[in-house]
Amino acid sequence: MLAEAAGVKKIIIACGRTDLRKGIDGLAQLIGTKYDLNPFEKDVLFLFCGSRGDRIRGLLWEGNGFLLLYKRLEAGSFSWPRTPQEAAELTREQYRMLMMGLNPLNPKIKDVNPQKIF
């Protein structure tokens, strides 16, 4: 579910660090108070990242209850936007970039000099 985001019409990430010990109620309250968004908007996936960067939580209202998602990487970390303390909506392409380990709001691709490869 988290990798595909099937059936999700909007994806919103909470930039910065979030205490991932928060459960459904804590994350829903954070969405409403800190980001002034509606956590009860159906088929909207809210994503949060902790300070370590290797774990994310997702919160999704399905119309009759919340779905709490959790993903932990075995190696590496997510390139999560840390500075602005706001919520940002992602496109499907940006979401795929995030799942590949790139920062979806500021992707940096290293310029490779072909002379150095050979």
N, C-alpha and C. Protein backbone atom coordinates (compact mmCIF):
# COMPACT_ATOMS: atom_id res chain seq x y z
N MET A 1 0.82 -1.20 0.00
CA MET A 1 0.00 0.00 0.00
C MET A 1 0.85 1.25 0.00
N LEU A 2 1.85 1.32 0.87
CA LEU A 2 2.64 2.54 0.97
C LEU A 2 3.47 2.77 -0.28
N ALA A 3 4.01 1.72 -0.85
CA ALA A 3 4.83 1.88 -2.05
C ALA A 3 4.01 2.25 -3.27
N GLU A 4 2.81 1.72 -3.38
CA GLU A 4 1.96 1.97 -4.56
C GLU A 4 1.03 3.16 -4.37
N ALA A 5 0.58 3.41 -3.17
CA ALA A 5 -0.40 4.46 -2.87
C ALA A 5 -1.66 4.28 -3.71
N ALA A 6 -2.10 3.05 -3.82
CA ALA A 6 -3.28 2.73 -4.62
C ALA A 6 -4.52 3.33 -3.99
N GLY A 7 -5.34 3.96 -4.80
CA GLY A 7 -6.59 4.54 -4.34
C GLY A 7 -6.45 5.88 -3.64
N VAL A 8 -5.24 6.39 -3.54
CA VAL A 8 -5.00 7.68 -2.89
C VAL A 8 -5.09 8.78 -3.94
N LYS A 9 -5.87 9.82 -3.63
CA LYS A 9 -6.02 10.90 -4.60
C LYS A 9 -5.10 12.08 -4.32
N LYS A 10 -4.62 12.20 -3.08
CA LYS A 10 -3.70 13.28 -2.73
C LYS A 10 -2.67 12.75 -1.75
N ILE A 11 -1.42 13.21 -1.88
CA ILE A 11 -0.34 12.81 -0.97
C ILE A 11 0.27 14.08 -0.39
N ILE A 12 0.30 14.18 0.93
CA ILE A 12 0.82 15.37 1.59
C ILE A 12 1.90 14.93 2.57
N ILE A 13 3.07 15.59 2.49
CA ILE A 13 4.13 15.27 3.44
C ILE A 13 4.28 16.41 4.44
N ALA A 14 4.58 16.03 5.66
CA ALA A 14 4.88 16.99 6.71
C ALA A 14 6.39 17.18 6.72
N CYS A 15 6.84 18.31 6.22
CA CYS A 15 8.29 18.57 6.18
C CYS A 15 8.82 18.71 7.60
N GLY A 16 10.09 18.46 7.76
CA GLY A 16 10.70 18.51 9.07
C GLY A 16 10.60 17.17 9.78
N ARG A 17 10.89 17.19 11.07
CA ARG A 17 10.89 15.97 11.87
C ARG A 17 9.61 15.85 12.69
N THR A 18 9.12 14.62 12.77
CA THR A 18 7.91 14.33 13.55
C THR A 18 8.23 13.22 14.53
N ASP A 19 7.70 13.32 15.73
CA ASP A 19 7.86 12.27 16.72
C ASP A 19 7.01 11.07 16.29
N LEU A 20 7.66 10.01 15.84
CA LEU A 20 6.95 8.86 15.31
C LEU A 20 6.36 7.96 16.39
N ARG A 21 6.51 8.35 17.64
CA ARG A 21 5.83 7.62 18.71
C ARG A 21 4.35 7.98 18.74
N LYS A 22 3.99 9.05 18.04
CA LYS A 22 2.58 9.45 17.98
C LYS A 22 1.78 8.39 17.24
N GLY A 23 0.60 8.16 17.72
CA GLY A 23 -0.31 7.22 17.07
C GLY A 23 -1.29 7.96 16.18
N ILE A 24 -2.40 7.33 15.90
CA ILE A 24 -3.41 7.90 15.01
C ILE A 24 -3.92 9.24 15.55
N ASP A 25 -4.31 9.28 16.81
CA ASP A 25 -4.88 10.51 17.37
C ASP A 25 -3.86 11.65 17.39
N GLY A 26 -2.63 11.34 17.77
CA GLY A 26 -1.60 12.37 17.81
C GLY A 26 -1.27 12.93 16.44
N LEU A 27 -1.17 12.06 15.44
CA LEU A 27 -0.88 12.52 14.08
C LEU A 27 -2.06 13.29 13.50
N ALA A 28 -3.28 12.83 13.75
CA ALA A 28 -4.46 13.55 13.27
C ALA A 28 -4.54 14.94 13.89
N GLN A 29 -4.23 15.04 15.17
CA GLN A 29 -4.24 16.34 15.84
C GLN A 29 -3.16 17.25 15.25
N LEU A 30 -2.00 16.70 14.97
CA LEU A 30 -0.90 17.46 14.37
C LEU A 30 -1.30 18.01 13.01
N ILE A 31 -1.98 17.20 12.21
CA ILE A 31 -2.44 17.63 10.89
C ILE A 31 -3.39 18.82 11.03
N GLY A 32 -4.31 18.73 11.99
CA GLY A 32 -5.29 19.79 12.17
C GLY A 32 -4.73 21.06 12.78
N THR A 33 -3.87 20.93 13.81
CA THR A 33 -3.41 22.12 14.52
C THR A 33 -2.17 22.75 13.90
N LYS A 34 -1.15 21.97 13.62
CA LYS A 34 0.10 22.54 13.12
C LYS A 34 0.02 22.92 11.64
N TYR A 35 -0.65 22.09 10.84
CA TYR A 35 -0.67 22.31 9.40
C TYR A 35 -2.00 22.86 8.90
N ASP A 36 -2.99 23.00 9.79
CA ASP A 36 -4.30 23.55 9.45
C ASP A 36 -4.94 22.83 8.26
N LEU A 37 -4.84 21.50 8.28
CA LEU A 37 -5.46 20.66 7.25
C LEU A 37 -6.47 19.74 7.91
N ASN A 38 -7.34 19.14 7.12
CA ASN A 38 -8.38 18.25 7.63
C ASN A 38 -7.91 16.80 7.56
N PRO A 39 -7.64 16.17 8.71
CA PRO A 39 -7.19 14.78 8.68
C PRO A 39 -8.29 13.81 8.24
N PHE A 40 -9.54 14.27 8.21
CA PHE A 40 -10.67 13.42 7.82
C PHE A 40 -11.02 13.55 6.35
N GLU A 41 -10.13 14.12 5.56
CA GLU A 41 -10.36 14.19 4.11
C GLU A 41 -10.09 12.80 3.54
N LYS A 42 -11.09 12.25 2.89
CA LYS A 42 -11.02 10.86 2.42
C LYS A 42 -9.97 10.71 1.30
N ASP A 43 -9.24 9.59 1.36
CA ASP A 43 -8.25 9.20 0.35
C ASP A 43 -7.09 10.19 0.22
N VAL A 44 -6.73 10.84 1.33
CA VAL A 44 -5.57 11.73 1.37
C VAL A 44 -4.55 11.08 2.30
N LEU A 45 -3.37 10.80 1.79
CA LEU A 45 -2.30 10.16 2.55
C LEU A 45 -1.38 11.24 3.10
N PHE A 46 -1.25 11.29 4.43
CA PHE A 46 -0.34 12.22 5.10
C PHE A 46 0.89 11.42 5.51
N LEU A 47 2.07 11.91 5.17
CA LEU A 47 3.32 11.22 5.48
C LEU A 47 4.16 12.02 6.45
N PHE A 48 4.81 11.32 7.38
CA PHE A 48 5.64 11.92 8.42
C PHE A 48 6.95 11.15 8.51
N CYS A 49 8.02 11.86 8.85
CA CYS A 49 9.34 11.22 8.99
C CYS A 49 9.94 11.62 10.34
N GLY A 50 10.59 10.68 10.97
CA GLY A 50 11.24 10.94 12.25
C GLY A 50 12.63 11.52 12.06
N SER A 51 13.34 11.68 13.16
CA SER A 51 14.66 12.30 13.10
C SER A 51 15.73 11.39 12.49
N ARG A 52 15.56 10.08 12.60
CA ARG A 52 16.56 9.16 12.05
C ARG A 52 16.52 9.10 10.53
N GLY A 53 15.36 9.33 9.94
CA GLY A 53 15.26 9.36 8.49
C GLY A 53 15.06 8.01 7.82
N ASP A 54 15.10 6.93 8.59
CA ASP A 54 14.94 5.61 7.98
C ASP A 54 13.53 5.06 8.16
N ARG A 55 12.64 5.85 8.78
CA ARG A 55 11.26 5.39 9.04
C ARG A 55 10.28 6.50 8.68
N ILE A 56 9.18 6.09 8.10
CA ILE A 56 8.10 7.05 7.85
C ILE A 56 6.79 6.43 8.32
N ARG A 57 5.86 7.31 8.66
CA ARG A 57 4.51 6.92 9.02
C ARG A 57 3.55 7.59 8.07
N GLY A 58 2.51 6.87 7.75
CA GLY A 58 1.46 7.42 6.91
C GLY A 58 0.13 7.31 7.62
N LEU A 59 -0.71 8.31 7.42
CA LEU A 59 -2.04 8.32 8.01
C LEU A 59 -3.05 8.58 6.89
N LEU A 60 -4.04 7.71 6.81
CA LEU A 60 -5.02 7.78 5.72
C LEU A 60 -6.42 7.57 6.29
N TRP A 61 -7.32 8.53 6.04
CA TRP A 61 -8.72 8.38 6.43
C TRP A 61 -9.44 7.68 5.29
N GLU A 62 -10.08 6.54 5.57
CA GLU A 62 -10.74 5.76 4.54
C GLU A 62 -12.26 5.97 4.51
N GLY A 63 -12.74 6.90 5.28
CA GLY A 63 -14.17 7.16 5.30
C GLY A 63 -14.87 6.57 6.51
N ASN A 64 -14.37 5.44 6.98
CA ASN A 64 -14.97 4.80 8.16
C ASN A 64 -13.94 4.53 9.26
N GLY A 65 -12.72 4.99 9.04
CA GLY A 65 -11.65 4.80 10.02
C GLY A 65 -10.30 5.16 9.43
N PHE A 66 -9.32 5.29 10.31
CA PHE A 66 -7.96 5.63 9.89
C PHE A 66 -7.15 4.37 9.61
N LEU A 67 -6.26 4.48 8.68
CA LEU A 67 -5.26 3.45 8.40
C LEU A 67 -3.91 4.06 8.74
N LEU A 68 -3.17 3.43 9.64
CA LEU A 68 -1.85 3.89 10.05
C LEU A 68 -0.81 3.00 9.39
N LEU A 69 0.05 3.60 8.60
CA LEU A 69 1.07 2.86 7.85
C LEU A 69 2.45 3.19 8.42
N TYR A 70 3.36 2.25 8.31
CA TYR A 70 4.70 2.43 8.85
C TYR A 70 5.68 1.73 7.92
N LYS A 71 6.74 2.42 7.57
CA LYS A 71 7.76 1.80 6.73
C LYS A 71 9.12 2.11 7.33
N ARG A 72 9.93 1.05 7.48
CA ARG A 72 11.30 1.19 7.98
C ARG A 72 12.24 0.61 6.94
N LEU A 73 13.21 1.39 6.54
CA LEU A 73 14.21 0.90 5.59
C LEU A 73 15.26 0.09 6.33
N GLU A 74 15.67 -0.99 5.75
CA GLU A 74 16.72 -1.82 6.35
C GLU A 74 18.09 -1.18 6.16
N ALA A 75 18.27 -0.50 5.05
CA ALA A 75 19.54 0.19 4.78
C ALA A 75 19.22 1.53 4.14
N GLY A 76 19.96 2.56 4.50
CA GLY A 76 19.77 3.88 3.92
C GLY A 76 18.70 4.67 4.66
N SER A 77 18.37 5.80 4.08
CA SER A 77 17.36 6.66 4.68
C SER A 77 16.62 7.44 3.61
N PHE A 78 15.46 7.95 3.98
CA PHE A 78 14.69 8.78 3.07
C PHE A 78 15.33 10.16 3.01
N SER A 79 15.33 10.76 1.84
CA SER A 79 15.80 12.14 1.71
C SER A 79 14.59 13.04 1.93
N TRP A 80 14.37 13.39 3.18
CA TRP A 80 13.15 14.09 3.57
C TRP A 80 13.42 15.59 3.66
N PRO A 81 12.53 16.42 3.12
CA PRO A 81 12.70 17.87 3.27
C PRO A 81 12.61 18.26 4.74
N ARG A 82 13.67 18.85 5.29
CA ARG A 82 13.74 19.11 6.72
C ARG A 82 13.47 20.56 7.11
N THR A 83 13.84 21.51 6.29
CA THR A 83 13.80 22.89 6.76
C THR A 83 12.43 23.51 6.90
N PRO A 84 11.63 23.60 5.87
CA PRO A 84 10.35 24.30 6.08
C PRO A 84 9.41 23.46 6.94
N GLN A 85 8.89 24.06 7.98
CA GLN A 85 7.95 23.37 8.86
C GLN A 85 6.53 23.55 8.33
N GLU A 86 6.26 22.94 7.21
CA GLU A 86 4.96 23.06 6.57
C GLU A 86 4.58 21.73 5.94
N ALA A 87 3.41 21.70 5.40
CA ALA A 87 2.96 20.51 4.68
C ALA A 87 2.99 20.83 3.19
N ALA A 88 3.41 19.86 2.39
CA ALA A 88 3.50 20.06 0.95
C ALA A 88 2.80 18.92 0.24
N GLU A 89 2.05 19.26 -0.79
CA GLU A 89 1.36 18.23 -1.58
C GLU A 89 2.32 17.69 -2.63
N LEU A 90 2.34 16.38 -2.79
CA LEU A 90 3.20 15.74 -3.77
C LEU A 90 2.40 15.25 -4.96
N THR A 91 3.03 15.28 -6.11
CA THR A 91 2.46 14.63 -7.29
C THR A 91 2.82 13.15 -7.20
N ARG A 92 2.22 12.35 -8.05
CA ARG A 92 2.56 10.91 -8.07
C ARG A 92 4.04 10.71 -8.39
N GLU A 93 4.57 11.52 -9.31
CA GLU A 93 5.99 11.40 -9.68
C GLU A 93 6.88 11.75 -8.49
N GLN A 94 6.55 12.81 -7.76
CA GLN A 94 7.33 13.18 -6.58
C GLN A 94 7.25 12.09 -5.51
N TYR A 95 6.09 11.46 -5.39
CA TYR A 95 5.94 10.36 -4.43
C TYR A 95 6.85 9.19 -4.81
N ARG A 96 6.91 8.87 -6.11
CA ARG A 96 7.80 7.80 -6.56
C ARG A 96 9.26 8.16 -6.27
N MET A 97 9.60 9.44 -6.45
CA MET A 97 10.97 9.89 -6.14
C MET A 97 11.28 9.69 -4.66
N LEU A 98 10.32 10.02 -3.80
CA LEU A 98 10.51 9.85 -2.36
C LEU A 98 10.73 8.38 -2.02
N MET A 99 9.96 7.49 -2.61
CA MET A 99 10.10 6.06 -2.36
C MET A 99 11.42 5.50 -2.90
N MET A 100 12.04 6.21 -3.86
CA MET A 100 13.34 5.80 -4.39
C MET A 100 14.49 6.39 -3.57
N GLY A 101 14.16 7.25 -2.60
CA GLY A 101 15.20 7.82 -1.75
C GLY A 101 15.62 9.22 -2.13
N LEU A 102 14.92 9.86 -3.06
CA LEU A 102 15.25 11.22 -3.46
C LEU A 102 14.37 12.21 -2.70
N ASN A 103 14.87 13.43 -2.51
CA ASN A 103 14.08 14.48 -1.91
C ASN A 103 13.09 14.96 -2.97
N PRO A 104 11.79 14.77 -2.77
CA PRO A 104 10.82 15.07 -3.81
C PRO A 104 10.64 16.57 -4.08
N LEU A 105 10.97 17.41 -3.11
CA LEU A 105 10.79 18.85 -3.29
C LEU A 105 12.03 19.53 -3.85
N ASN A 106 13.18 18.91 -3.70
CA ASN A 106 14.43 19.48 -4.19
C ASN A 106 15.37 18.37 -4.63
N PRO A 107 15.00 17.64 -5.70
CA PRO A 107 15.87 16.53 -6.11
C PRO A 107 17.18 17.04 -6.68
N LYS A 108 18.25 16.42 -6.28
CA LYS A 108 19.57 16.79 -6.77
C LYS A 108 20.17 15.60 -7.48
N ILE A 109 20.45 15.78 -8.73
CA ILE A 109 21.08 14.73 -9.52
C ILE A 109 22.51 15.18 -9.78
N LYS A 110 23.44 14.35 -9.39
CA LYS A 110 24.84 14.70 -9.56
C LYS A 110 25.19 14.76 -11.04
N ASP A 111 25.96 15.78 -11.38
CA ASP A 111 26.43 15.94 -12.75
C ASP A 111 27.64 15.02 -12.91
N VAL A 112 27.51 14.04 -13.77
CA VAL A 112 28.59 13.08 -13.99
C VAL A 112 29.37 13.51 -15.23
N ASN A 113 30.68 13.64 -15.05
CA ASN A 113 31.55 13.98 -16.16
C ASN A 113 31.91 12.70 -16.89
N PRO A 114 31.48 12.53 -18.17
CA PRO A 114 31.76 11.28 -18.88
C PRO A 114 33.25 11.01 -19.05
N GLN A 115 34.08 12.04 -19.00
CA GLN A 115 35.52 11.86 -19.13
C GLN A 115 36.08 11.04 -17.97
N LYS A 116 35.50 11.20 -16.79
CA LYS A 116 36.01 10.51 -15.60
C LYS A 116 35.55 9.08 -15.51
N ILE A 117 34.52 8.71 -16.25
CA ILE A 117 33.99 7.34 -16.20
C ILE A 117 34.92 6.38 -16.92
N PHE A 118 35.44 6.80 -18.03
CA PHE A 118 36.25 5.89 -18.86
C PHE A 118 37.71 6.06 -18.60
